[in-house]
């Protein structure tokens, strides 16, 4: 994995989110009990802005 993908997954995991299934292409579907929603997470998140957007959708206030 390049970019911020691993960091985002580590933060999601640390905050109680969990992997649900593989999505289309190079995306994975994660579930956030904080925001009670499923989130599509790209394997290679190259933009810090996009990484923070994923965390925000998960209801996590931590930012990169």
N, C-alpha and C. Protein backbone atom coordinates (compact mmCIF):
# COMPACT_ATOMS: atom_id res chain seq x y z
N UNK A 1 0.84 -1.19 0.00
CA UNK A 1 0.00 0.00 0.00
C UNK A 1 0.88 1.25 0.00
N UNK A 2 0.43 2.23 -0.74
CA UNK A 2 1.15 3.49 -0.80
C UNK A 2 0.34 4.56 -0.10
N UNK A 3 0.96 5.69 0.12
CA UNK A 3 0.24 6.85 0.65
C UNK A 3 -0.27 6.66 2.05
N UNK A 4 -1.55 6.99 2.24
CA UNK A 4 -2.15 7.02 3.57
C UNK A 4 -3.06 5.84 3.86
N UNK A 5 -3.14 4.88 2.95
CA UNK A 5 -4.06 3.74 3.11
C UNK A 5 -3.87 2.97 4.40
N UNK A 6 -2.64 2.62 4.70
CA UNK A 6 -2.36 1.84 5.92
C UNK A 6 -2.67 2.66 7.18
N UNK A 7 -2.30 3.94 7.18
CA UNK A 7 -2.56 4.79 8.34
C UNK A 7 -4.06 4.91 8.60
N UNK A 8 -4.81 5.10 7.53
CA UNK A 8 -6.27 5.23 7.67
C UNK A 8 -6.86 3.93 8.23
N UNK A 9 -6.43 2.79 7.71
CA UNK A 9 -6.93 1.51 8.21
C UNK A 9 -6.57 1.28 9.68
N UNK A 10 -5.36 1.68 10.06
CA UNK A 10 -4.94 1.55 11.46
C UNK A 10 -5.81 2.42 12.38
N UNK A 11 -6.11 3.63 11.94
CA UNK A 11 -6.95 4.53 12.74
C UNK A 11 -8.38 3.99 12.82
N UNK A 12 -8.90 3.49 11.70
CA UNK A 12 -10.25 2.91 11.71
C UNK A 12 -10.30 1.74 12.69
N UNK A 13 -9.32 0.86 12.61
CA UNK A 13 -9.27 -0.32 13.48
C UNK A 13 -9.16 0.09 14.95
N UNK A 14 -8.30 1.06 15.24
CA UNK A 14 -8.10 1.54 16.61
C UNK A 14 -9.39 2.11 17.21
N UNK A 15 -10.26 2.64 16.36
CA UNK A 15 -11.50 3.27 16.82
C UNK A 15 -12.71 2.34 16.74
N UNK A 16 -12.47 1.04 16.58
CA UNK A 16 -13.56 0.07 16.63
C UNK A 16 -14.23 -0.22 15.30
N UNK A 17 -13.75 0.37 14.23
CA UNK A 17 -14.30 0.06 12.91
C UNK A 17 -13.73 -1.28 12.45
N UNK A 18 -14.45 -1.95 11.56
CA UNK A 18 -13.96 -3.25 11.13
C UNK A 18 -14.25 -3.51 9.66
N UNK A 19 -13.37 -4.33 9.07
CA UNK A 19 -13.45 -4.73 7.68
C UNK A 19 -14.68 -5.62 7.49
N UNK A 20 -15.47 -5.34 6.45
CA UNK A 20 -16.67 -6.11 6.15
C UNK A 20 -16.42 -7.04 4.97
N UNK A 21 -15.97 -6.46 3.84
CA UNK A 21 -15.77 -7.26 2.63
C UNK A 21 -14.96 -6.47 1.61
N UNK A 22 -14.54 -7.17 0.59
CA UNK A 22 -13.89 -6.53 -0.55
C UNK A 22 -14.96 -5.83 -1.38
N UNK A 23 -14.63 -4.68 -1.87
CA UNK A 23 -15.55 -3.96 -2.75
C UNK A 23 -15.11 -4.10 -4.18
N UNK A 24 -15.62 -3.24 -5.04
CA UNK A 24 -15.24 -3.27 -6.46
C UNK A 24 -13.87 -2.63 -6.63
N UNK A 25 -13.13 -3.15 -7.57
CA UNK A 25 -11.81 -2.59 -7.86
C UNK A 25 -10.87 -2.76 -6.69
N UNK A 26 -10.25 -1.67 -6.31
CA UNK A 26 -9.29 -1.74 -5.21
C UNK A 26 -9.84 -1.10 -3.93
N UNK A 27 -11.13 -1.24 -3.71
CA UNK A 27 -11.77 -0.70 -2.51
C UNK A 27 -12.18 -1.82 -1.56
N UNK A 28 -12.17 -1.50 -0.28
CA UNK A 28 -12.68 -2.39 0.75
C UNK A 28 -13.84 -1.67 1.44
N UNK A 29 -14.77 -2.44 1.96
CA UNK A 29 -15.90 -1.89 2.69
C UNK A 29 -15.64 -2.11 4.18
N UNK A 30 -15.69 -1.03 4.93
CA UNK A 30 -15.51 -1.06 6.38
C UNK A 30 -16.80 -0.57 7.03
N UNK A 31 -17.05 -1.00 8.26
CA UNK A 31 -18.22 -0.55 9.01
C UNK A 31 -17.75 0.27 10.21
N UNK A 32 -18.38 1.40 10.42
CA UNK A 32 -18.08 2.25 11.57
C UNK A 32 -19.26 2.25 12.54
N UNK A 33 -19.06 1.69 13.74
CA UNK A 33 -20.12 1.74 14.75
C UNK A 33 -20.32 3.15 15.31
N UNK A 34 -19.34 4.01 15.11
CA UNK A 34 -19.44 5.39 15.59
C UNK A 34 -20.49 6.14 14.77
N UNK A 35 -20.40 6.05 13.45
CA UNK A 35 -21.35 6.75 12.59
C UNK A 35 -22.46 5.82 12.08
N UNK A 36 -22.38 4.54 12.47
CA UNK A 36 -23.38 3.54 12.08
C UNK A 36 -23.55 3.48 10.56
N UNK A 37 -22.42 3.45 9.86
CA UNK A 37 -22.46 3.44 8.40
C UNK A 37 -21.31 2.62 7.83
N UNK A 38 -21.48 2.19 6.59
CA UNK A 38 -20.42 1.51 5.87
C UNK A 38 -19.63 2.53 5.07
N UNK A 39 -18.33 2.31 4.96
CA UNK A 39 -17.44 3.25 4.30
C UNK A 39 -16.61 2.51 3.28
N UNK A 40 -16.50 3.08 2.09
CA UNK A 40 -15.64 2.53 1.05
C UNK A 40 -14.24 3.12 1.23
N UNK A 41 -13.25 2.24 1.39
CA UNK A 41 -11.88 2.70 1.64
C UNK A 41 -10.98 2.19 0.51
N UNK A 42 -10.38 3.12 -0.21
CA UNK A 42 -9.45 2.78 -1.29
C UNK A 42 -8.17 2.21 -0.69
N UNK A 43 -7.57 1.24 -1.36
CA UNK A 43 -6.33 0.63 -0.85
C UNK A 43 -5.18 1.61 -0.90
N UNK A 44 -5.11 2.44 -1.92
CA UNK A 44 -4.04 3.43 -2.06
C UNK A 44 -4.62 4.83 -1.98
N UNK A 45 -4.66 5.38 -0.79
CA UNK A 45 -5.16 6.75 -0.61
C UNK A 45 -3.95 7.66 -0.74
N UNK A 46 -3.89 8.40 -1.82
CA UNK A 46 -2.72 9.23 -2.11
C UNK A 46 -2.84 10.65 -1.57
N UNK A 47 -4.05 11.08 -1.27
CA UNK A 47 -4.30 12.45 -0.83
C UNK A 47 -4.63 12.50 0.66
N UNK A 48 -3.98 13.41 1.36
CA UNK A 48 -4.27 13.58 2.78
C UNK A 48 -5.71 14.07 2.97
N UNK A 49 -6.18 14.89 2.05
CA UNK A 49 -7.55 15.40 2.11
C UNK A 49 -8.55 14.24 2.01
N UNK A 50 -8.30 13.31 1.09
CA UNK A 50 -9.19 12.16 0.92
C UNK A 50 -9.14 11.25 2.15
N UNK A 51 -7.94 11.06 2.70
CA UNK A 51 -7.78 10.24 3.90
C UNK A 51 -8.58 10.83 5.05
N UNK A 52 -8.51 12.13 5.23
CA UNK A 52 -9.26 12.79 6.30
C UNK A 52 -10.77 12.73 6.04
N UNK A 53 -11.16 12.74 4.78
CA UNK A 53 -12.57 12.61 4.43
C UNK A 53 -13.12 11.24 4.85
N UNK A 54 -12.32 10.20 4.63
CA UNK A 54 -12.73 8.85 5.03
C UNK A 54 -12.91 8.79 6.55
N UNK A 55 -11.96 9.37 7.28
CA UNK A 55 -12.05 9.37 8.75
C UNK A 55 -13.27 10.16 9.23
N UNK A 56 -13.55 11.26 8.56
CA UNK A 56 -14.71 12.07 8.92
C UNK A 56 -16.01 11.30 8.70
N UNK A 57 -16.10 10.57 7.56
CA UNK A 57 -17.29 9.76 7.28
C UNK A 57 -17.49 8.68 8.33
N UNK A 58 -16.36 8.20 8.89
CA UNK A 58 -16.42 7.17 9.93
C UNK A 58 -16.78 7.76 11.29
N UNK A 59 -16.83 9.09 11.38
CA UNK A 59 -17.17 9.73 12.65
C UNK A 59 -15.98 9.86 13.59
N UNK A 60 -14.79 9.79 13.05
CA UNK A 60 -13.56 9.87 13.83
C UNK A 60 -12.99 11.28 13.72
N UNK A 61 -12.69 11.89 14.85
CA UNK A 61 -12.21 13.27 14.82
C UNK A 61 -10.71 13.38 14.56
N UNK A 62 -9.98 12.28 14.69
CA UNK A 62 -8.53 12.31 14.44
C UNK A 62 -8.27 12.62 12.96
N UNK A 63 -7.25 13.44 12.72
CA UNK A 63 -6.88 13.82 11.35
C UNK A 63 -5.41 13.54 11.11
N UNK A 64 -5.05 13.35 9.87
CA UNK A 64 -3.64 13.10 9.50
C UNK A 64 -2.94 14.42 9.24
